[in-house]
Protein backbone atom coordinates (compact mmCIF):
# COMPACT_ATOMS: atom_id res chain seq x y z
CA UNK A 1 102.22 114.87 93.59
CA UNK A 2 103.18 111.29 93.87
CA UNK A 3 100.89 108.42 93.45
CA UNK A 4 100.94 105.97 96.38
CA UNK A 5 98.49 103.19 95.57
CA UNK A 6 96.39 102.06 92.66
CA UNK A 7 95.38 98.56 93.29
CA UNK A 8 93.59 98.67 96.62
CA UNK A 9 90.09 100.05 97.46
CA UNK A 10 89.85 103.73 98.47
CA UNK A 11 89.13 102.76 102.02
CA UNK A 12 92.28 100.70 102.27
CA UNK A 13 94.34 103.57 100.50
CA UNK A 14 92.97 106.00 103.19
CA UNK A 15 93.61 103.36 105.91
CA UNK A 16 97.19 103.04 104.82
CA UNK A 17 97.74 106.70 105.12
CA UNK A 18 96.24 106.79 108.62
CA UNK A 19 98.60 103.95 109.61
CA UNK A 20 101.60 105.95 108.09
CA UNK A 21 100.59 108.98 110.04
CA UNK A 22 99.63 107.62 113.37
CA UNK A 23 101.50 104.22 113.50
CA UNK A 24 99.87 100.84 113.05
CA UNK A 25 98.38 100.24 116.42
CA UNK A 26 96.75 103.65 116.91
CA UNK A 27 96.08 103.87 113.16
CA UNK A 28 93.89 100.69 112.95
CA UNK A 29 91.79 102.16 115.83
CA UNK A 30 91.57 105.46 114.38
CA UNK A 31 90.75 104.28 111.00
CA UNK A 32 87.86 102.25 112.05
CA UNK A 33 86.09 105.41 112.90
CA UNK A 34 87.63 107.87 110.35
CA UNK A 35 87.31 105.82 107.09
CA UNK A 36 83.59 105.04 107.30
CA UNK A 37 82.85 108.65 108.41
CA UNK A 38 84.77 110.27 105.57
CA UNK A 39 83.56 108.01 102.92
CA UNK A 40 80.03 107.97 104.26
CA UNK A 41 79.90 111.91 104.19
CA UNK A 42 81.55 111.96 100.89
CA UNK A 43 78.74 109.55 99.44
CA UNK A 44 76.24 111.96 100.67
CA UNK A 45 78.07 114.91 99.01
CA UNK A 46 78.00 112.95 95.71
CA UNK A 47 74.48 111.93 95.89
CA UNK A 48 73.38 115.57 96.36
CA UNK A 49 75.63 116.81 93.59
CA UNK A 50 74.46 117.55 89.95
CA UNK A 51 75.31 114.70 87.44
CA UNK A 52 78.59 115.36 85.69
CA UNK A 53 79.71 117.94 88.07
CA UNK A 54 83.08 117.18 89.76
CA UNK A 55 82.58 118.04 93.57
CA UNK A 56 85.17 117.95 96.33
CA UNK A 57 85.08 117.87 100.06
CA UNK A 58 87.91 118.49 102.59
CA UNK A 59 88.39 116.60 105.86
CA UNK A 60 90.94 117.24 108.73
CA UNK A 61 91.65 115.28 111.87
CA UNK A 62 91.17 117.15 115.17
CA UNK A 63 94.85 117.23 115.76
CA UNK A 64 95.40 118.44 112.10
CA UNK A 65 97.94 115.80 111.27
CA UNK A 66 95.73 114.46 108.50
CA UNK A 67 94.24 116.65 105.57
CA UNK A 68 92.13 114.72 103.23
CA UNK A 69 90.57 115.97 100.04
CA UNK A 70 88.04 113.58 98.08
CA UNK A 71 86.82 114.61 94.63
CA UNK A 72 84.08 112.70 92.91
CA UNK A 73 81.53 112.83 90.13
CA UNK A 74 78.08 111.29 89.66
CA UNK A 75 77.54 110.08 86.17
CA UNK A 76 74.45 108.60 84.51
CA UNK A 77 74.84 104.81 83.85
CA UNK A 78 72.55 102.16 82.41
CA UNK A 79 70.77 101.76 85.83
CA UNK A 80 70.79 105.28 87.02
CA UNK A 81 73.49 107.39 88.53
CA UNK A 82 76.89 106.02 89.37
CA UNK A 83 79.31 107.59 91.89
CA UNK A 84 83.03 107.86 91.06
CA UNK A 85 85.89 108.99 93.21
CA UNK A 86 88.28 110.64 90.88
CA UNK A 87 90.91 111.97 93.26
CA UNK A 88 91.85 111.25 96.93
CA UNK A 89 94.69 113.54 98.26
CA UNK A 90 96.11 113.03 101.79
CA UNK A 91 98.57 115.65 103.14
CA UNK A 92 99.50 116.69 99.45
CA UNK A 93 99.92 113.00 98.30
CA UNK A 94 97.59 111.73 95.49
CA UNK A 95 96.52 108.22 96.60
CA UNK A 96 94.83 107.17 93.23
CA UNK A 97 96.45 106.66 89.93
CA UNK A 98 92.87 106.46 88.32
CA UNK A 99 89.32 106.97 89.08
CA UNK A 100 87.48 104.47 90.99
CA UNK A 101 83.86 103.35 91.28
CA UNK A 102 82.38 104.36 94.69
CA UNK A 103 80.86 101.11 95.84
CA UNK A 104 78.75 100.37 99.12
CA UNK A 105 81.34 97.90 100.12
CA UNK A 106 83.71 100.83 100.70
CA UNK A 107 81.84 102.12 103.70
């Protein structure tokens, strides 16, 4: 799998893929709905997981043009549990070169 991006937020990486698949104009409209929905749902998956366990969730658009797999892990930090996204695969392309902290600002 090819690494596509590493320096942008996970939300921006997903938005870039949506733009690539659907085109810029339609992609921006679609992404405003899809990105918060995907990340919001995945945050709940992480919150309900066991600390240290790597969990994954798959998402598919209705037209089946986009298949997204998010993998993450909840870890114990100094102030409680901290969620990380360890992999983000869209249509067989890995979008991350390293894991990222899952921040509220990403939603």
